[in-house]
Structures are given as C-alpha cells and as structure tokens.
Protein backbone atom coordinates (compact mmCIF):
# COMPACT_ATOMS: atom_id res chain seq x y z
CA MET A 1 0.00 0.00 0.00
CA THR A 2 1.35 3.42 -0.99
CA LYS A 3 0.69 6.93 0.26
CA GLN A 4 -0.67 7.74 -3.21
CA HIS A 5 -3.25 4.94 -2.87
CA ILE A 6 -4.27 6.15 0.61
CA LEU A 7 -4.53 9.76 -0.62
CA ALA A 8 -6.72 8.58 -3.53
CA VAL A 9 -9.05 6.79 -1.09
CA VAL A 10 -9.28 9.85 1.19
CA LYS A 11 -9.87 12.16 -1.82
CA LYS A 12 -12.64 9.88 -3.11
CA HIS A 13 -14.47 9.98 0.22
CA LEU A 14 -13.93 13.75 0.54
CA MET A 15 -15.55 14.30 -2.85
CA GLN A 16 -18.43 11.95 -2.03
CA THR A 17 -19.11 13.70 1.29
CA ILE A 18 -18.57 17.39 0.50
CA ASP A 19 -20.95 18.75 -2.14
CA GLY A 20 -19.27 20.43 -5.09
CA LEU A 21 -15.71 19.54 -4.11
CA THR A 22 -13.40 18.63 -7.00
CA GLU A 23 -10.16 16.66 -6.86
CA ALA A 24 -8.24 19.75 -7.99
CA GLN A 25 -9.37 21.62 -4.84
CA ILE A 26 -7.98 18.96 -2.49
CA ASP A 27 -4.59 20.02 -1.18
CA PRO A 28 -2.99 17.68 1.40
CA SER A 29 -1.72 20.72 3.33
CA LYS A 30 -5.31 21.89 3.96
CA SER A 31 -7.60 20.65 6.68
CA MET A 32 -10.95 19.07 5.87
CA LYS A 33 -12.60 22.10 7.50
CA ASP A 34 -10.76 24.33 4.99
CA LEU A 35 -12.51 22.32 2.25
CA GLY A 36 -15.95 22.82 3.80
CA ALA A 37 -16.31 19.69 5.93
CA ASN A 38 -18.11 19.92 9.27
CA SER A 39 -17.21 17.67 12.21
CA LEU A 40 -19.75 14.99 11.18
CA ASP A 41 -18.36 15.00 7.63
CA ILE A 42 -14.84 14.54 8.99
CA VAL A 43 -15.88 11.56 11.14
CA GLU A 44 -17.62 10.01 8.11
CA ILE A 45 -14.66 10.57 5.77
CA VAL A 46 -12.14 9.14 8.24
CA SER A 47 -14.39 6.18 9.14
CA VAL A 48 -15.10 5.09 5.56
CA SER A 49 -11.47 5.63 4.56
CA MET A 50 -10.27 3.42 7.43
CA ARG A 51 -12.89 0.80 6.57
CA GLU A 52 -11.86 0.72 2.91
CA LEU A 53 -8.16 0.53 3.81
CA LYS A 54 -8.87 -2.06 6.55
CA VAL A 55 -6.97 -0.09 9.21
CA LYS A 56 -7.92 1.09 12.68
CA VAL A 57 -6.49 4.28 14.17
CA PRO A 58 -7.04 5.26 17.81
CA ARG A 59 -9.24 8.34 18.20
CA SER A 60 -6.52 9.96 20.34
CA GLU A 61 -4.16 9.84 17.34
CA LEU A 62 -6.80 11.28 14.99
CA SER A 63 -7.43 14.26 17.27
CA LYS A 64 -3.80 15.40 16.80
CA LEU A 65 -4.12 15.75 13.03
CA THR A 66 -4.19 19.20 11.45
CA ASN A 67 -4.47 18.45 7.72
CA ILE A 68 -5.22 15.83 5.08
CA GLY A 69 -1.53 15.04 4.57
CA GLY A 70 -1.26 14.19 8.27
CA LEU A 71 -4.21 11.83 7.97
CA VAL A 72 -2.64 10.12 4.94
CA ASP A 73 0.70 9.78 6.79
CA LEU A 74 -1.02 8.31 9.85
CA LEU A 75 -3.10 5.84 7.81
CA PHE A 76 0.03 4.83 5.87
CA GLN A 77 1.98 4.32 9.09
CA VAL A 78 -0.76 2.12 10.58
CA ALA A 79 -1.33 0.20 7.32
CA THR A 80 2.35 -0.65 6.86
CA GLN A 81 3.36 -1.51 10.40
CA PRO A 82 3.54 -5.21 11.21
CA PRO A 83 0.57 -6.50 13.21
CA THR A 84 1.17 -6.66 16.94
CA LYS A 85 0.96 -10.09 18.48
CA PRO A 86 -1.49 -10.49 21.35
CA ALA A 87 0.23 -10.97 24.71
C-alpha cells in the first residue's frame, strides 16, 4: 500500500461527502474544515477511509491531526506496520 493509494481513497471519500468539491481543490496541506467539511463529515470521511483501507487508528491519534496530509501519513503508518501479536 502506498501513500498515493491512501490519498486517492481519502480524496474519493472527501468528494463523495462534500458537495461540489473537486479533486483539484484537495490540497494535502489543507484541513478538511478548509474544504468545507463539518465535524460529522470529517468523522464520516475518516471512518469510511479506514474501513476501505482495513486499518484502525485510535481516536486519540486522529485528534492530533491538522491536515489531510497528516491523515494520509497516519493511515500509511498504521497500514504498513507489522501487526502486533497479542500478549
């Protein structure tokens, strides 16, 4: 899985959730709020992106994010780390 693939998934869900948003308007340095998303939109976008990518990110980690690039980096980090073995 690549960062480009993760960014494509996030962009797809952004465009499906935010009316009138085009791919050209999505800049990874912007926050979802900058693009017109409200807090419910953001939860939806992150949830469906994680579901599609089959990754789970703790809410505490998500709350630290400031932009779309940070979300992509975090999803990439979680998706590519080896699974932890149960104790």
